């Protein structure tokens, strides 16, 4: 399997809410890095389960990608409807859209490392009116 096919399989699985297939795209010892934390595969599952719970219609849309060897850099647009408490904010039932850059290292058809360090937290928080609450305005 080509590296970009692995990333596509992961995205498609998340869009179907199929966390078993999504997590099967990782090597057993894979690490999923964000700006603030590093997760094991089990931790990544918890993170995506949380996103699917908060945004039950969550969709990941590939806007573009570049493959260099086993590295796949993908720009993703994420969208969903905020239906339960998130970061202390009660459900707004608002449809939100934000972006992330996903960088995945793929070895033997599986993701060994993944970075979502360029996650557009601010855009998401602005849409949910969390920014003013965070800065006390």
C-alpha atoms as a PDB file:
ATOM      1  CA  UNK A   1       0.000   0.000   0.000  1.00  0.00           C
ATOM      2  CA  UNK A   2       1.311   3.453  -0.925  1.00  0.00           C
ATOM      3  CA  UNK A   3       1.731   5.937   1.973  1.00  0.00           C
ATOM      4  CA  UNK A   4      -1.021   8.252   0.692  1.00  0.00           C
ATOM      5  CA  UNK A   5      -3.424   5.292   0.533  1.00  0.00           C
ATOM      6  CA  UNK A   6      -2.834   4.640   4.227  1.00  0.00           C
ATOM      7  CA  UNK A   7      -3.658   8.251   5.092  1.00  0.00           C
ATOM      8  CA  UNK A   8      -6.744   8.148   2.850  1.00  0.00           C
ATOM      9  CA  UNK A   9      -7.908   4.933   4.520  1.00  0.00           C
ATOM     10  CA  UNK A  10      -7.557   6.624   7.929  1.00  0.00           C
ATOM     11  CA  UNK A  11      -9.526   9.716   6.821  1.00  0.00           C
ATOM     12  CA  UNK A  12     -12.270   7.586   5.271  1.00  0.00           C
ATOM     13  CA  UNK A  13     -12.528   5.484   8.436  1.00  0.00           C
ATOM     14  CA  UNK A  14     -12.900   8.577  10.642  1.00  0.00           C
ATOM     15  CA  UNK A  15     -15.584   9.905   8.298  1.00  0.00           C
ATOM     16  CA  UNK A  16     -17.472   6.599   8.737  1.00  0.00           C
ATOM     17  CA  UNK A  17     -16.922   6.674  12.561  1.00  0.00           C
ATOM     18  CA  UNK A  18     -14.981   3.422  12.213  1.00  0.00           C
ATOM     19  CA  UNK A  19     -12.334   3.866  14.892  1.00  0.00           C
ATOM     20  CA  UNK A  20     -11.231   0.218  14.681  1.00  0.00           C
ATOM     21  CA  UNK A  21     -10.215   0.642  11.026  1.00  0.00           C
ATOM     22  CA  UNK A  22      -8.715   4.087  11.689  1.00  0.00           C
ATOM     23  CA  UNK A  23      -6.553   2.807  14.552  1.00  0.00           C
ATOM     24  CA  UNK A  24      -5.531  -0.237  12.477  1.00  0.00           C
ATOM     25  CA  UNK A  25      -3.756   2.269  10.200  1.00  0.00           C
ATOM     26  CA  UNK A  26      -1.146   2.790  12.967  1.00  0.00           C
ATOM     27  CA  UNK A  27       1.784   0.573  13.903  1.00  0.00           C
ATOM     28  CA  UNK A  28       1.386  -0.823  17.459  1.00  0.00           C
ATOM     29  CA  UNK A  29       4.052   1.550  18.818  1.00  0.00           C
ATOM     30  CA  UNK A  30       3.018   4.609  16.817  1.00  0.00           C
ATOM     31  CA  UNK A  31       2.963   8.086  18.330  1.00  0.00           C
ATOM     32  CA  UNK A  32       0.425  10.803  17.516  1.00  0.00           C
ATOM     33  CA  UNK A  33       1.807  14.260  18.329  1.00  0.00           C
ATOM     34  CA  UNK A  34      -0.107  17.496  18.812  1.00  0.00           C
ATOM     35  CA  UNK A  35       1.105  20.899  19.906  1.00  0.00           C
ATOM     36  CA  UNK A  36       0.518  20.071  23.567  1.00  0.00           C
ATOM     37  CA  UNK A  37       0.749  16.303  23.883  1.00  0.00           C
ATOM     38  CA  UNK A  38       1.981  13.007  22.503  1.00  0.00           C
ATOM     39  CA  UNK A  39      -0.401  10.051  22.314  1.00  0.00           C
ATOM     40  CA  UNK A  40      -0.080   6.320  21.939  1.00  0.00           C
ATOM     41  CA  UNK A  41      -2.505   4.606  19.560  1.00  0.00           C
ATOM     42  CA  UNK A  42      -4.889   4.130  22.498  1.00  0.00           C
ATOM     43  CA  UNK A  43      -4.626   7.843  23.312  1.00  0.00           C
ATOM     44  CA  UNK A  44      -5.248   8.778  19.666  1.00  0.00           C
ATOM     45  CA  UNK A  45      -8.381   6.624  19.782  1.00  0.00           C
ATOM     46  CA  UNK A  46      -9.613   8.503  22.867  1.00  0.00           C
ATOM     47  CA  UNK A  47      -8.906  11.826  21.129  1.00  0.00           C
ATOM     48  CA  UNK A  48     -10.821  10.882  17.973  1.00  0.00           C
ATOM     49  CA  UNK A  49     -13.637   9.324  20.017  1.00  0.00           C
ATOM     50  CA  UNK A  50     -13.941  12.655  21.855  1.00  0.00           C
ATOM     51  CA  UNK A  51     -14.043  14.591  18.564  1.00  0.00           C
ATOM     52  CA  UNK A  52     -16.735  12.263  17.199  1.00  0.00           C
ATOM     53  CA  UNK A  53     -18.736  12.604  20.435  1.00  0.00           C
ATOM     54  CA  UNK A  54     -18.551  16.410  20.402  1.00  0.00           C
ATOM     55  CA  UNK A  55     -19.065  16.651  16.629  1.00  0.00           C
ATOM     56  CA  UNK A  56     -21.090  13.514  15.715  1.00  0.00           C
ATOM     57  CA  UNK A  57     -21.227  14.507  12.045  1.00  0.00           C
ATOM     58  CA  UNK A  58     -17.445  15.141  11.965  1.00  0.00           C
ATOM     59  CA  UNK A  59     -16.011  15.087   8.464  1.00  0.00           C
ATOM     60  CA  UNK A  60     -12.390  15.306   7.395  1.00  0.00           C
ATOM     61  CA  UNK A  61     -11.881  16.647   3.884  1.00  0.00           C
ATOM     62  CA  UNK A  62      -8.502  16.429   2.152  1.00  0.00           C
ATOM     63  CA  UNK A  63      -7.706  19.812   0.602  1.00  0.00           C
ATOM     64  CA  UNK A  64      -4.303  18.796  -0.710  1.00  0.00           C
ATOM     65  CA  UNK A  65      -1.368  16.543   0.002  1.00  0.00           C
ATOM     66  CA  UNK A  66       2.273  15.974  -0.816  1.00  0.00           C
ATOM     67  CA  UNK A  67       4.155  12.707  -0.578  1.00  0.00           C
ATOM     68  CA  UNK A  68       7.917  12.498  -0.094  1.00  0.00           C
ATOM     69  CA  UNK A  69       9.090   8.927   0.388  1.00  0.00           C
ATOM     70  CA  UNK A  70       7.130   7.625   3.357  1.00  0.00           C
ATOM     71  CA  UNK A  71       6.036  11.067   4.554  1.00  0.00           C
ATOM     72  CA  UNK A  72       2.551  12.299   3.671  1.00  0.00           C
ATOM     73  CA  UNK A  73       1.737  15.947   4.350  1.00  0.00           C
ATOM     74  CA  UNK A  74      -1.987  16.603   4.120  1.00  0.00           C
ATOM     75  CA  UNK A  75      -4.025  19.751   4.580  1.00  0.00           C
ATOM     76  CA  UNK A  76      -7.375  18.794   6.095  1.00  0.00           C
ATOM     77  CA  UNK A  77     -10.561  20.717   6.594  1.00  0.00           C
ATOM     78  CA  UNK A  78     -12.544  19.397   9.532  1.00  0.00           C
ATOM     79  CA  UNK A  79     -16.197  20.185  10.115  1.00  0.00           C
ATOM     80  CA  UNK A  80     -18.996  19.145  12.395  1.00  0.00           C
ATOM     81  CA  UNK A  81     -21.882  20.238  14.557  1.00  0.00           C
ATOM     82  CA  UNK A  82     -21.132  21.009  18.219  1.00  0.00           C
ATOM     83  CA  UNK A  83     -23.726  18.878  20.085  1.00  0.00           C
ATOM     84  CA  UNK A  84     -22.291  18.286  23.583  1.00  0.00           C
ATOM     85  CA  UNK A  85     -20.202  20.145  26.168  1.00  0.00           C
ATOM     86  CA  UNK A  86     -16.706  20.916  24.842  1.00  0.00           C
ATOM     87  CA  UNK A  87     -14.012  22.696  26.873  1.00  0.00           C
ATOM     88  CA  UNK A  88     -16.719  23.805  29.284  1.00  0.00           C
ATOM     89  CA  UNK A  89     -18.930  25.227  26.532  1.00  0.00           C
ATOM     90  CA  UNK A  90     -22.448  23.757  26.419  1.00  0.00           C
ATOM     91  CA  UNK A  91     -23.661  22.476  23.064  1.00  0.00           C
ATOM     92  CA  UNK A  92     -24.347  25.272  20.580  1.00  0.00           C
ATOM     93  CA  UNK A  93     -25.658  23.051  17.751  1.00  0.00           C
ATOM     94  CA  UNK A  94     -23.486  25.260  15.556  1.00  0.00           C
ATOM     95  CA  UNK A  95     -21.761  23.812  12.495  1.00  0.00           C
ATOM     96  CA  UNK A  96     -18.053  24.673  12.668  1.00  0.00           C
ATOM     97  CA  UNK A  97     -15.188  24.362  10.205  1.00  0.00           C
ATOM     98  CA  UNK A  98     -11.462  24.394  10.980  1.00  0.00           C
ATOM     99  CA  UNK A  99      -8.245  23.124   9.443  1.00  0.00           C
ATOM    100  CA  UNK A 100      -5.193  21.133  10.346  1.00  0.00           C
ATOM    101  CA  UNK A 101      -2.011  20.009   8.669  1.00  0.00           C
ATOM    102  CA  UNK A 102      -1.443  16.285   9.124  1.00  0.00           C
ATOM    103  CA  UNK A 103       2.078  14.954   8.693  1.00  0.00           C
ATOM    104  CA  UNK A 104       2.250  11.169   8.737  1.00  0.00           C
ATOM    105  CA  UNK A 105       5.291   8.921   8.527  1.00  0.00           C
ATOM    106  CA  UNK A 106       4.225   5.662   6.914  1.00  0.00           C
ATOM    107  CA  UNK A 107       6.278   2.464   7.121  1.00  0.00           C
ATOM    108  CA  UNK A 108       5.180  -0.803   5.529  1.00  0.00           C
ATOM    109  CA  UNK A 109       1.693   0.576   4.931  1.00  0.00           C
ATOM    110  CA  UNK A 110       1.121   1.763   8.526  1.00  0.00           C
ATOM    111  CA  UNK A 111       1.475   5.138  10.240  1.00  0.00           C
ATOM    112  CA  UNK A 112       4.428   5.085  12.649  1.00  0.00           C
ATOM    113  CA  UNK A 113       4.311   8.762  13.606  1.00  0.00           C
ATOM    114  CA  UNK A 114       1.788  11.523  13.031  1.00  0.00           C
ATOM    115  CA  UNK A 115       1.869  15.235  13.782  1.00  0.00           C
ATOM    116  CA  UNK A 116      -1.181  17.502  13.995  1.00  0.00           C
ATOM    117  CA  UNK A 117       0.820  20.435  15.327  1.00  0.00           C
ATOM    118  CA  UNK A 118      -0.742  22.999  13.019  1.00  0.00           C
ATOM    119  CA  UNK A 119      -4.256  22.386  14.332  1.00  0.00           C
ATOM    120  CA  UNK A 120      -6.286  25.585  13.895  1.00  0.00           C
ATOM    121  CA  UNK A 121      -7.486  25.734  17.500  1.00  0.00           C
ATOM    122  CA  UNK A 122      -8.164  29.474  17.415  1.00  0.00           C
ATOM    123  CA  UNK A 123     -10.601  29.280  14.483  1.00  0.00           C
ATOM    124  CA  UNK A 124     -12.499  26.470  16.191  1.00  0.00           C
ATOM    125  CA  UNK A 125     -12.579  28.331  19.529  1.00  0.00           C
ATOM    126  CA  UNK A 126     -13.718  31.578  17.873  1.00  0.00           C
ATOM    127  CA  UNK A 127     -16.627  29.809  16.179  1.00  0.00           C
ATOM    128  CA  UNK A 128     -17.711  28.299  19.500  1.00  0.00           C
ATOM    129  CA  UNK A 129     -17.257  31.648  21.283  1.00  0.00           C
ATOM    130  CA  UNK A 130     -14.608  30.169  23.555  1.00  0.00           C
ATOM    131  CA  UNK A 131     -11.970  32.864  22.998  1.00  0.00           C
ATOM    132  CA  UNK A 132     -13.716  35.553  25.036  1.00  0.00           C
ATOM    133  CA  UNK A 133     -14.319  33.035  27.822  1.00  0.00           C
ATOM    134  CA  UNK A 134     -10.616  32.094  27.857  1.00  0.00           C
ATOM    135  CA  UNK A 135      -9.379  35.690  28.054  1.00  0.00           C
ATOM    136  CA  UNK A 136     -12.156  36.853  30.375  1.00  0.00           C
ATOM    137  CA  UNK A 137     -13.672  39.424  28.001  1.00  0.00           C
END
